[in-house]
Amino acid sequence: MSRKEIMIVFVVLSFAYIYPLVHADYAYVDDNWRALHQAQEAWKNQGRILLEVLHRVLTFTGGTTNIFPLPLLISVFALALAMTRLTLWYFTRPCILSCLVVLPILCNPFFLGNLTYQFDGPGMVLAVVAIIYAITCTIEHVVYRGFASALLIAISLSLYQPTLSLFVGLSIVEFVCGVKNRISTVKALSLATQRFVQLTVGSLIYALTAYQLTVDGRGNLSVFDARWLEVAGQKLIFAMEQVGLLVNPGAIYFTVLLLVVATFAFVLFMKNIVDMPGGVLSRVIVLAVYLLGFPILLLSIPGVMLFLVEPNLDARNYIGFSAVLILVLYLNYEVLGRAWLAARWVLVVPVLFMFAFCYAYGQVIIAKKELEMAMAQYIAKDIVSEKQLGLVPVFYFVGPQTGGNWLPRGHDAMTYMPALRYILSNANVLLHPHFFPRLGINNVVGGKRDVFNKLVALNGVGSPVVDSKFYSIYVTSEGGYIVMKEIRDSENYNDIP
């Protein structure tokens, strides 16, 4: 296939993949308050200054004007071009099945947690694009090439820091490709060294530039003591558990097949080290790096999150899982092609699974959007219809302590595909106070349950003006309180006696 044909394949598949997210048009977590221009300098304070610049350029404004899905379409098109470049980097004579090997860059199920963000998502996609260009940089002079790649890494970090793990993962895939192709040991080790230097210099550039603007403690490094090892281990185990959720009963058979073939190919290609031009010592070092690649690749799934104090481990942090999927598909592609070229069509199955997962997720977020709209409408109707509530200057919204992802319509999908609930994120509460302006209610702000409980203890709260199934509305001297109740109902419709 020519470069143009490969690009067309990626553009078509990429836009087909993101269709459910565009169709859902769902305001995901932070999108709710960013749409109300409450972002202020949040991105800059997190060391992601280029994301702020990106939105100002695309919107021609100084704020966070919502122009979804335009930024997503632009960034995904750029990613399609980058995946074209990566395909030609891995394969000298690519075919349509070669494209499927690289497609997990976009179709990583955990990456849906990034793509769902209407404001942050496009910047995260462009951060991945920068990493791919850092890997595939073709400048001949080694110093200039190294600096260009390091600069691209710094740009990527200024958009979204966890992409660092993707660079590590793709570097390992590149090393395995080199062993498979029997390049010289000197070249293989030189390339690995260059990647390490590029990673170090790129991180240093970021640390001396965009990171200096950081005031949010979420990105701070952990203290490296005995406690850190325990916490990092817990994060790694948690990440592996979430990966395990992807393997539902319907996917277990082809998953086992892919892993068995990939393991066989990994061992088979390891034998190539003996035939690689170079001395005995250099071959031993190549073997050590080759074997270390597997555990490093697993560590790259949680990636930088292992070294940060951030306790929130959402799916969006697992960008490094894309490299794991690419390596598994690459090993299958190579060894199946040696046995029988037609056997490579097996790769269609995992790609079809990724698309099915994405479309199921699209239906889940539509269900979530509908439930949020219903809840908000219930509350809005009470506020505008009750005379006493119409006089309240401000309402404090107190969300439920549990049940953030209680979703009856999405129950079946999340039962058969349990990873969907994780990707939906526990940070995604039942309803955000920032939802109400779209219903014409402009005086609902976030409240705290402990403040409300103190008022109750001081007898500052009387009987509720409204007491419904899902919430109660109180009027106090400080204003109104919309207090969501804990949902005890079963999520499963079929549990009804």
Protein backbone atom coordinates (compact mmCIF):
# COMPACT_ATOMS: atom_id res chain seq x y z
CA MET A 1 0.00 0.00 0.00
CA SER A 2 1.12 3.55 -0.70
CA ARG A 3 1.35 6.25 1.97
CA LYS A 4 -1.81 7.87 0.63
CA GLU A 5 -3.77 4.59 0.78
CA ILE A 6 -2.60 3.94 4.35
CA MET A 7 -3.61 7.46 5.34
CA ILE A 8 -7.10 6.98 3.86
CA VAL A 9 -7.51 3.72 5.81
CA PHE A 10 -6.56 5.43 9.07
CA VAL A 11 -8.74 8.49 8.43
CA VAL A 12 -11.80 6.34 7.67
CA LEU A 13 -11.26 3.96 10.61
CA SER A 14 -10.45 6.80 13.02
CA PHE A 15 -13.56 8.82 12.24
CA ALA A 16 -15.69 5.66 12.35
CA TYR A 17 -14.22 4.91 15.77
CA ILE A 18 -14.96 8.30 17.34
CA TYR A 19 -18.47 8.57 15.86
CA PRO A 20 -20.22 7.30 19.06
CA LEU A 21 -18.48 10.00 21.12
CA VAL A 22 -19.40 12.76 18.69
CA HIS A 23 -22.96 11.46 18.47
CA ALA A 24 -23.32 11.30 22.27
CA ASP A 25 -22.10 14.91 22.75
CA TYR A 26 -21.67 14.23 26.45
CA ALA A 27 -20.20 16.75 28.91
CA TYR A 28 -17.76 14.53 30.82
CA VAL A 29 -16.61 15.46 34.37
CA ASP A 30 -14.52 18.66 33.96
CA ASP A 31 -16.37 19.66 30.77
CA ASN A 32 -19.30 20.85 32.88
CA TRP A 33 -17.43 23.66 34.60
CA ARG A 34 -15.04 24.44 31.76
CA ALA A 35 -18.05 25.17 29.53
CA LEU A 36 -19.06 27.90 32.01
CA HIS A 37 -15.63 29.56 31.64
CA GLN A 38 -14.56 28.53 35.13
CA ALA A 39 -11.30 26.96 33.96
CA GLN A 40 -9.35 30.15 34.71
CA GLU A 41 -5.71 29.01 34.64
CA ALA A 42 -6.37 25.36 35.56
CA TRP A 43 -4.39 23.89 32.66
CA LYS A 44 -1.41 26.16 33.23
CA ASN A 45 -1.48 25.36 36.94
CA GLN A 46 -1.21 21.66 36.05
CA GLY A 47 1.80 22.21 33.79
CA ARG A 48 -0.28 21.87 30.63
CA ILE A 49 0.11 25.37 29.29
CA LEU A 50 0.03 24.29 25.63
CA LEU A 51 -3.49 22.96 26.12
CA GLU A 52 -4.56 26.44 27.12
CA VAL A 53 -2.79 27.90 24.08
CA LEU A 54 -4.42 25.28 21.83
CA HIS A 55 -7.93 26.25 22.91
CA ARG A 56 -7.26 29.95 22.52
CA VAL A 57 -5.99 29.36 18.98
CA LEU A 58 -8.88 27.11 17.94
CA THR A 59 -11.64 29.24 19.48
CA PHE A 60 -10.15 32.66 18.61
CA THR A 61 -11.04 33.69 22.17
CA GLY A 62 -9.32 34.01 25.50
CA GLY A 63 -11.67 31.57 27.22
CA THR A 64 -12.87 27.98 27.03
CA THR A 65 -15.59 28.36 24.43
CA ASN A 66 -17.05 24.97 23.60
CA ILE A 67 -16.65 24.22 19.88
CA PHE A 68 -16.95 20.44 20.18
CA PRO A 69 -16.50 18.33 18.05
CA LEU A 70 -14.25 20.49 15.84
CA PRO A 71 -11.09 20.16 18.02
CA LEU A 72 -11.60 16.40 18.29
CA LEU A 73 -11.99 16.01 14.52
CA ILE A 74 -8.85 18.06 13.86
CA SER A 75 -6.77 16.19 16.43
CA VAL A 76 -7.96 12.74 15.30
CA PHE A 77 -7.11 13.63 11.69
CA ALA A 78 -3.62 14.58 12.88
CA LEU A 79 -3.43 11.26 14.73
CA ALA A 80 -4.40 9.41 11.54
CA LEU A 81 -1.43 11.06 9.80
CA ALA A 82 0.82 10.11 12.71
CA MET A 83 -0.37 6.48 12.65
CA THR A 84 0.38 6.42 8.92
CA ARG A 85 3.91 7.49 9.71
CA LEU A 86 4.26 4.87 12.47
CA THR A 87 3.01 2.11 10.16
CA LEU A 88 5.67 2.96 7.59
CA TRP A 89 8.21 3.04 10.44
CA TYR A 90 7.44 -0.55 11.44
CA PHE A 91 6.74 -2.12 8.04
CA THR A 92 8.72 -1.81 4.80
CA ARG A 93 5.84 -3.19 2.70
CA PRO A 94 2.67 -2.48 4.66
CA CYS A 95 -0.77 -3.85 3.84
CA ILE A 96 -4.17 -3.11 5.33
CA LEU A 97 -3.51 -5.62 8.12
CA SER A 98 -0.34 -3.72 9.02
CA CYS A 99 -2.59 -0.75 9.76
CA LEU A 100 -4.52 -2.85 12.27
CA VAL A 101 -1.30 -3.41 14.24
CA VAL A 102 -0.89 0.34 14.82
CA LEU A 103 -4.60 1.14 15.30
CA PRO A 104 -4.52 0.58 19.12
CA ILE A 105 -2.82 3.98 19.36
CA LEU A 106 -6.37 5.30 19.01
CA CYS A 107 -8.44 2.20 19.81
CA ASN A 108 -6.91 1.46 23.22
CA PRO A 109 -10.12 0.96 25.29
CA PHE A 110 -8.68 3.03 28.15
CA PHE A 111 -8.05 5.92 25.74
CA LEU A 112 -11.83 6.37 25.58
CA GLY A 113 -11.43 8.02 28.98
CA ASN A 114 -9.36 10.69 27.21
CA LEU A 115 -11.44 11.02 24.05
CA THR A 116 -14.63 11.61 26.06
CA TYR A 117 -13.37 14.96 27.37
CA GLN A 118 -14.65 17.67 25.05
CA PHE A 119 -12.09 20.22 26.26
CA ASP A 120 -9.07 18.14 27.36
CA GLY A 121 -9.48 15.28 24.88
CA PRO A 122 -8.16 16.92 21.69
CA GLY A 123 -5.03 18.12 23.50
CA MET A 124 -4.43 14.61 24.82
CA VAL A 125 -4.71 13.26 21.27
CA LEU A 126 -2.21 15.83 20.00
CA ALA A 127 0.12 14.85 22.87
CA VAL A 128 0.08 11.30 21.46
CA VAL A 129 0.74 12.71 17.98
CA ALA A 130 3.83 14.50 19.30
CA ILE A 131 5.12 11.24 20.85
CA ILE A 132 4.71 9.38 17.55
CA TYR A 133 6.62 12.07 15.67
CA ALA A 134 9.33 11.93 18.35
CA ILE A 135 9.68 8.19 17.69
CA THR A 136 9.63 8.49 13.90
CA CYS A 137 11.84 11.56 13.52
CA THR A 138 14.05 11.01 10.44
CA ILE A 139 16.58 13.85 10.70
CA GLU A 140 19.91 12.32 9.66
CA HIS A 141 22.22 14.10 12.09
CA VAL A 142 21.98 12.23 15.39
CA VAL A 143 22.29 15.34 17.59
CA TYR A 144 19.69 17.32 15.67
CA ARG A 145 17.40 14.29 15.58
CA GLY A 146 17.81 13.78 19.31
CA PHE A 147 17.05 17.42 20.07
CA ALA A 148 13.98 17.42 17.79
CA SER A 149 12.62 14.28 19.47
CA ALA A 150 13.32 15.71 22.93
CA LEU A 151 11.51 18.92 22.00
CA LEU A 152 8.50 16.91 20.78
CA ILE A 153 8.48 15.00 24.07
CA ALA A 154 8.48 18.30 25.98
CA ILE A 155 5.58 19.52 23.81
CA SER A 156 3.69 16.30 24.53
CA LEU A 157 4.24 16.68 28.28
CA SER A 158 3.00 20.28 28.09
CA LEU A 159 -0.26 18.90 26.71
CA TYR A 160 -0.63 15.75 28.85
CA GLN A 161 2.08 14.28 31.07
CA PRO A 162 1.10 10.55 31.09
CA THR A 163 2.05 10.29 27.39
CA LEU A 164 5.61 9.81 28.64
CA SER A 165 4.74 6.15 29.23
CA LEU A 166 3.70 5.78 25.58
CA PHE A 167 7.15 6.92 24.45
CA VAL A 168 8.72 4.28 26.69
CA GLY A 169 6.36 1.61 25.37
CA LEU A 170 6.89 2.47 21.71
CA SER A 171 10.65 2.48 22.27
CA ILE A 172 10.39 -1.11 23.53
CA VAL A 173 8.29 -2.09 20.50
CA GLU A 174 10.97 -0.51 18.31
CA PHE A 175 13.70 -2.52 20.07
CA VAL A 176 11.78 -5.78 19.54
CA CYS A 177 11.38 -4.88 15.85
CA GLY A 178 15.14 -4.37 15.63
CA VAL A 179 15.82 -7.79 17.13
CA LYS A 180 13.28 -9.36 14.76
CA ASN A 181 15.03 -7.72 11.80
CA ARG A 182 18.47 -8.83 13.08
CA ILE A 183 20.03 -5.37 13.02
CA SER A 184 23.52 -5.13 14.50
CA THR A 185 23.82 -5.18 18.28
CA VAL A 186 25.66 -1.85 18.18
CA LYS A 187 22.81 -0.24 16.26
CA ALA A 188 20.19 -1.73 18.59
CA LEU A 189 21.96 -0.55 21.74
CA SER A 190 22.73 2.83 20.18
CA LEU A 191 19.05 3.31 19.34
CA ALA A 192 18.00 2.33 22.87
CA THR A 193 20.55 4.77 24.31
CA GLN A 194 19.31 7.54 22.03
CA ARG A 195 15.74 6.95 23.20
CA PHE A 196 16.83 7.14 26.82
CA VAL A 197 18.70 10.40 26.19
CA GLN A 198 15.76 11.85 24.26
CA LEU A 199 13.43 10.94 27.11
CA THR A 200 15.74 12.50 29.69
CA VAL A 201 16.39 15.71 27.73
CA GLY A 202 12.72 16.09 26.79
CA SER A 203 11.67 15.71 30.42
CA LEU A 204 14.34 18.21 31.45
CA ILE A 205 13.13 20.76 28.88
CA TYR A 206 9.60 20.34 30.21
CA ALA A 207 10.78 20.63 33.82
CA LEU A 208 12.56 23.91 33.06
CA THR A 209 9.68 25.42 31.07
CA ALA A 210 5.99 24.47 31.39
CA TYR A 211 6.43 22.64 34.68
CA GLN A 212 7.65 25.87 36.30
CA LEU A 213 4.09 27.20 35.98
CA THR A 214 2.65 24.31 37.99
CA VAL A 215 0.95 25.15 41.28
CA ASP A 216 -1.43 22.18 41.43
CA GLY A 217 -0.03 19.51 43.77
CA ARG A 218 -1.60 16.67 41.77
CA GLY A 219 1.49 16.39 39.60
CA ASN A 220 4.04 16.36 42.44
CA LEU A 221 6.51 13.51 42.66
CA SER A 222 6.06 10.98 45.44
CA VAL A 223 8.58 10.77 48.25
CA PHE A 224 10.77 7.77 47.41
CA ASP A 225 10.77 5.82 50.66
CA ALA A 226 9.56 2.41 51.82
CA ARG A 227 5.98 3.67 51.72
CA TRP A 228 6.34 4.66 48.05
CA LEU A 229 7.18 1.09 47.02
CA GLU A 230 4.02 -0.16 48.70
CA VAL A 231 1.82 2.51 47.09
CA ALA A 232 3.40 2.00 43.65
CA GLY A 233 2.82 -1.74 43.98
CA GLN A 234 -0.83 -1.13 44.82
CA LYS A 235 -1.21 1.15 41.80
CA LEU A 236 0.37 -1.46 39.53
CA ILE A 237 -1.88 -4.22 40.86
CA PHE A 238 -4.91 -1.96 40.41
CA ALA A 239 -3.87 -1.25 36.80
CA MET A 240 -3.51 -4.96 36.05
CA GLU A 241 -6.96 -5.59 37.56
CA GLN A 242 -8.49 -3.00 35.23
CA VAL A 243 -6.74 -4.59 32.25
CA GLY A 244 -8.22 -7.90 33.38
CA LEU A 245 -11.71 -6.37 33.26
CA LEU A 246 -11.36 -6.07 29.48
CA VAL A 247 -11.22 -9.85 29.16
CA ASN A 248 -14.92 -10.65 29.51
CA PRO A 249 -16.24 -14.17 28.78
CA GLY A 250 -16.86 -13.33 25.13
CA ALA A 251 -13.30 -12.11 24.62
CA ILE A 252 -11.35 -14.68 26.60
CA TYR A 253 -10.84 -17.14 23.74
CA PHE A 254 -9.22 -14.81 21.22
CA THR A 255 -7.34 -13.05 24.05
CA VAL A 256 -5.71 -16.30 25.13
CA LEU A 257 -4.92 -17.13 21.50
CA LEU A 258 -3.29 -13.74 20.90
CA LEU A 259 -1.23 -13.96 24.09
CA VAL A 260 -0.05 -17.51 23.37
CA VAL A 261 1.01 -16.62 19.83
CA ALA A 262 2.66 -13.39 21.03
CA THR A 263 4.62 -15.28 23.71
CA PHE A 264 5.75 -17.83 21.13
CA ALA A 265 6.84 -15.04 18.77
CA PHE A 266 8.67 -13.20 21.58
CA VAL A 267 10.70 -16.34 22.36
CA LEU A 268 11.20 -17.11 18.66
CA PHE A 269 12.61 -13.66 17.91
CA MET A 270 14.85 -13.85 20.96
CA LYS A 271 16.80 -16.52 19.09
CA ASN A 272 17.65 -13.87 16.46
CA ILE A 273 20.02 -12.23 18.96
CA VAL A 274 22.53 -15.02 18.23
CA ASP A 275 22.52 -14.03 14.54
CA MET A 276 22.77 -10.27 15.13
CA PRO A 277 26.14 -8.83 13.99
CA GLY A 278 28.24 -7.89 17.02
CA GLY A 279 30.36 -9.24 19.85
CA VAL A 280 29.38 -11.66 22.58
CA LEU A 281 29.16 -8.97 25.27
CA SER A 282 26.93 -6.74 23.15
CA ARG A 283 24.65 -9.72 22.44
CA VAL A 284 24.35 -10.42 26.16
CA ILE A 285 23.41 -6.78 26.78
CA VAL A 286 20.84 -6.90 23.95
CA LEU A 287 19.37 -10.06 25.47
CA ALA A 288 19.13 -8.39 28.88
CA VAL A 289 17.39 -5.32 27.41
CA TYR A 290 15.09 -7.58 25.37
CA LEU A 291 14.02 -9.53 28.45
CA LEU A 292 13.66 -6.37 30.54
CA GLY A 293 11.37 -4.96 27.86
CA PHE A 294 8.43 -7.07 29.01
CA PRO A 295 8.29 -5.91 32.67
CA ILE A 296 9.03 -2.33 31.62
CA LEU A 297 6.14 -2.52 29.16
CA LEU A 298 3.82 -3.64 31.95
CA LEU A 299 5.06 -0.81 34.17
CA SER A 300 4.34 1.63 31.34
CA ILE A 301 0.60 0.90 31.63
CA PRO A 302 0.23 3.01 34.81
CA GLY A 303 3.47 4.72 33.76
CA VAL A 304 4.26 8.02 35.43
CA MET A 305 1.32 7.56 37.82
CA LEU A 306 3.57 5.21 39.80
CA PHE A 307 5.82 8.15 40.65
CA LEU A 308 3.18 10.81 41.39
CA VAL A 309 1.19 11.55 44.53
CA GLU A 310 -2.02 11.62 42.45
CA PRO A 311 -4.34 8.96 43.98
CA ASN A 312 -6.96 9.19 41.22
CA LEU A 313 -6.24 6.34 38.79
CA ASP A 314 -8.74 6.86 36.01
CA ALA A 315 -8.65 5.10 32.64
CA ARG A 316 -7.27 8.20 30.92
CA ASN A 317 -3.92 7.64 32.65
CA TYR A 318 -3.32 4.30 30.94
CA ILE A 319 -2.14 5.59 27.57
CA GLY A 320 0.84 3.25 27.82
CA PHE A 321 -1.50 0.29 27.30
CA SER A 322 -1.58 1.22 23.60
CA ALA A 323 2.05 0.11 23.27
CA VAL A 324 1.23 -3.24 24.91
CA LEU A 325 -1.55 -3.85 22.40
CA ILE A 326 0.67 -2.83 19.50
CA LEU A 327 3.40 -5.25 20.55
CA VAL A 328 0.93 -8.13 20.98
CA LEU A 329 -0.59 -7.49 17.54
CA TYR A 330 2.83 -6.97 15.95
CA LEU A 331 4.15 -10.29 17.27
CA ASN A 332 0.99 -12.06 16.05
CA TYR A 333 1.24 -10.35 12.67
CA GLU A 334 4.83 -11.48 12.14
CA VAL A 335 4.58 -15.07 13.33
CA LEU A 336 1.19 -15.77 11.72
CA GLY A 337 2.48 -14.36 8.45
CA ARG A 338 5.37 -16.81 8.53
CA ALA A 339 3.00 -19.74 9.01
CA TRP A 340 0.27 -18.63 6.57
CA LEU A 341 -0.36 -15.13 5.22
CA ALA A 342 -4.14 -15.49 5.43
CA ALA A 343 -3.83 -16.23 9.16
CA ARG A 344 -3.07 -12.55 9.72
CA TRP A 345 -6.75 -11.82 9.23
CA VAL A 346 -7.16 -13.04 12.81
CA LEU A 347 -6.12 -9.50 13.77
CA VAL A 348 -9.51 -8.27 12.57
CA VAL A 349 -11.11 -9.92 15.63
CA PRO A 350 -9.39 -7.84 18.38
CA VAL A 351 -9.88 -4.66 16.33
CA LEU A 352 -13.56 -5.48 15.94
CA PHE A 353 -13.71 -5.99 19.71
CA MET A 354 -12.21 -2.52 20.27
CA PHE A 355 -14.80 -0.96 17.96
CA ALA A 356 -17.64 -2.88 19.63
CA PHE A 357 -16.37 -1.73 23.03
CA CYS A 358 -16.29 1.89 21.85
CA TYR A 359 -19.81 1.76 20.44
CA ALA A 360 -21.10 0.13 23.64
CA TYR A 361 -19.41 2.92 25.59
CA GLY A 362 -21.13 5.45 23.34
CA GLN A 363 -24.50 4.02 24.33
CA VAL A 364 -23.52 4.08 28.01
CA ILE A 365 -22.63 7.77 27.98
CA ILE A 366 -25.87 8.54 26.12
CA ALA A 367 -27.71 6.73 28.93
CA LYS A 368 -25.70 8.72 31.48
CA LYS A 369 -26.54 11.98 29.70
CA GLU A 370 -30.25 11.14 29.65
CA LEU A 371 -30.30 10.28 33.36
CA GLU A 372 -28.48 13.51 34.25
CA MET A 373 -30.97 15.49 32.16
CA ALA A 374 -33.91 13.78 33.86
CA MET A 375 -32.52 14.43 37.36
CA ALA A 376 -31.83 18.07 36.55
CA GLN A 377 -35.31 18.53 35.09
CA TYR A 378 -36.94 17.05 38.20
CA ILE A 379 -35.08 19.54 40.38
CA ALA A 380 -35.57 22.49 38.00
CA LYS A 381 -39.33 21.88 37.89
CA ASP A 382 -39.52 21.97 41.69
CA ILE A 383 -37.47 25.16 41.88
CA VAL A 384 -39.61 27.08 39.38
CA SER A 385 -42.96 25.71 40.59
CA GLU A 386 -42.52 26.19 44.36
CA LYS A 387 -43.07 29.82 45.36
CA GLN A 388 -40.82 29.58 48.41
CA LEU A 389 -37.93 28.24 46.32
CA GLY A 390 -38.32 30.95 43.72
CA LEU A 391 -37.23 33.53 46.30
CA VAL A 392 -34.02 31.70 47.28
CA PRO A 393 -30.94 33.60 45.96
CA VAL A 394 -28.60 30.60 45.83
CA PHE A 395 -28.86 26.82 46.06
CA TYR A 396 -26.02 24.61 47.29
CA PHE A 397 -25.98 21.27 45.54
CA VAL A 398 -24.89 18.36 47.77
CA GLY A 399 -24.34 15.21 45.75
CA PRO A 400 -24.82 11.64 46.96
CA GLN A 401 -21.94 9.88 48.68
CA THR A 402 -22.42 6.79 46.52
CA GLY A 403 -24.11 5.81 43.29
CA GLY A 404 -22.21 8.16 40.98
CA ASN A 405 -22.41 5.64 38.17
CA TRP A 406 -25.82 4.21 39.05
CA LEU A 407 -27.18 3.74 35.56
CA PRO A 408 -30.14 1.38 34.99
CA ARG A 409 -30.12 1.73 31.20
CA GLY A 410 -26.40 0.96 31.05
CA HIS A 411 -26.54 -1.97 33.48
CA ASP A 412 -26.49 -4.75 30.90
CA ALA A 413 -23.58 -3.28 28.93
CA MET A 414 -21.55 -2.66 32.09
CA THR A 415 -22.32 -6.18 33.33
CA TYR A 416 -21.10 -7.89 30.18
CA MET A 417 -18.26 -5.39 29.68
CA PRO A 418 -17.24 -4.47 33.26
CA ALA A 419 -14.43 -2.19 32.09
CA LEU A 420 -17.09 0.23 30.82
CA ARG A 421 -17.99 1.20 34.39
CA TYR A 422 -14.35 1.89 35.19
CA ILE A 423 -13.87 4.03 32.07
CA LEU A 424 -17.01 5.99 32.92
CA SER A 425 -15.00 6.99 36.05
CA ASN A 426 -15.98 7.28 39.69
CA ALA A 427 -15.22 10.99 39.38
CA ASN A 428 -18.28 11.20 37.14
CA VAL A 429 -20.94 11.91 39.76
CA LEU A 430 -24.69 11.50 39.36
CA LEU A 431 -25.23 15.18 38.58
CA HIS A 432 -23.07 18.31 38.47
CA PRO A 433 -24.35 21.69 39.72
CA HIS A 434 -22.93 23.19 36.52
CA PHE A 435 -25.59 21.27 34.58
CA PHE A 436 -28.44 23.56 35.64
CA PRO A 437 -27.68 26.67 33.51
CA ARG A 438 -28.77 24.74 30.41
CA LEU A 439 -32.22 24.50 32.05
CA GLY A 440 -32.35 28.20 32.87
CA ILE A 441 -31.44 27.73 36.56
CA ASN A 442 -28.42 29.93 37.11
CA ASN A 443 -28.10 29.98 40.89
CA VAL A 444 -27.04 26.41 41.77
CA VAL A 445 -23.47 26.04 43.01
CA GLY A 446 -21.48 23.22 44.57
CA GLY A 447 -22.07 22.56 48.25
CA LYS A 448 -20.43 20.36 50.88
CA ARG A 449 -22.17 17.64 52.82
CA ASP A 450 -20.23 18.34 56.03
CA VAL A 451 -21.38 21.99 55.98
CA PHE A 452 -24.99 20.86 55.57
CA ASN A 453 -24.59 18.30 58.36
CA LYS A 454 -23.27 21.03 60.70
CA LEU A 455 -26.34 23.13 59.94
CA VAL A 456 -28.54 20.14 60.76
CA ALA A 457 -26.67 19.61 64.05
CA LEU A 458 -27.19 23.29 64.96
CA ASN A 459 -30.91 23.00 64.16
CA GLY A 460 -30.42 25.41 61.29
CA VAL A 461 -32.37 23.22 58.88
CA GLY A 462 -36.11 22.70 59.06
CA SER A 463 -38.36 20.32 57.18
CA PRO A 464 -37.67 19.98 53.47
CA VAL A 465 -39.74 22.11 51.13
CA VAL A 466 -39.49 19.27 48.61
CA ASP A 467 -38.90 15.64 49.55
CA SER A 468 -38.78 13.34 46.53
CA LYS A 469 -37.38 9.91 45.70
CA PHE A 470 -33.94 11.14 44.67
CA TYR A 471 -33.43 14.39 46.59
CA SER A 472 -34.70 16.84 49.19
CA ILE A 473 -34.65 20.64 48.97
CA TYR A 474 -34.24 22.70 52.14
CA VAL A 475 -34.32 26.43 52.76
CA THR A 476 -31.93 27.81 55.40
CA SER A 477 -30.72 31.24 56.41
CA GLU A 478 -27.66 30.69 54.20
CA GLY A 479 -29.68 29.70 51.13
CA GLY A 480 -31.25 26.61 49.66
CA TYR A 481 -29.76 23.13 49.85
CA ILE A 482 -30.44 20.50 47.21
CA VAL A 483 -29.41 17.30 48.96
CA MET A 484 -29.26 14.17 46.82
CA LYS A 485 -30.30 10.96 48.56
CA GLU A 486 -28.35 7.73 48.51
CA ILE A 487 -29.73 5.47 45.79
CA ARG A 488 -30.69 2.10 47.22
CA ASP A 489 -32.64 0.80 44.23
CA SER A 490 -31.17 -2.01 42.19
CA GLU A 491 -29.63 -0.92 38.92
CA ASN A 492 -30.88 -4.11 37.26
CA TYR A 493 -34.42 -3.77 35.89
CA ASN A 494 -34.79 -7.57 35.97
CA ASP A 495 -34.43 -7.60 39.78
CA ILE A 496 -37.98 -6.26 40.11
CA PRO A 497 -40.11 -9.02 41.74
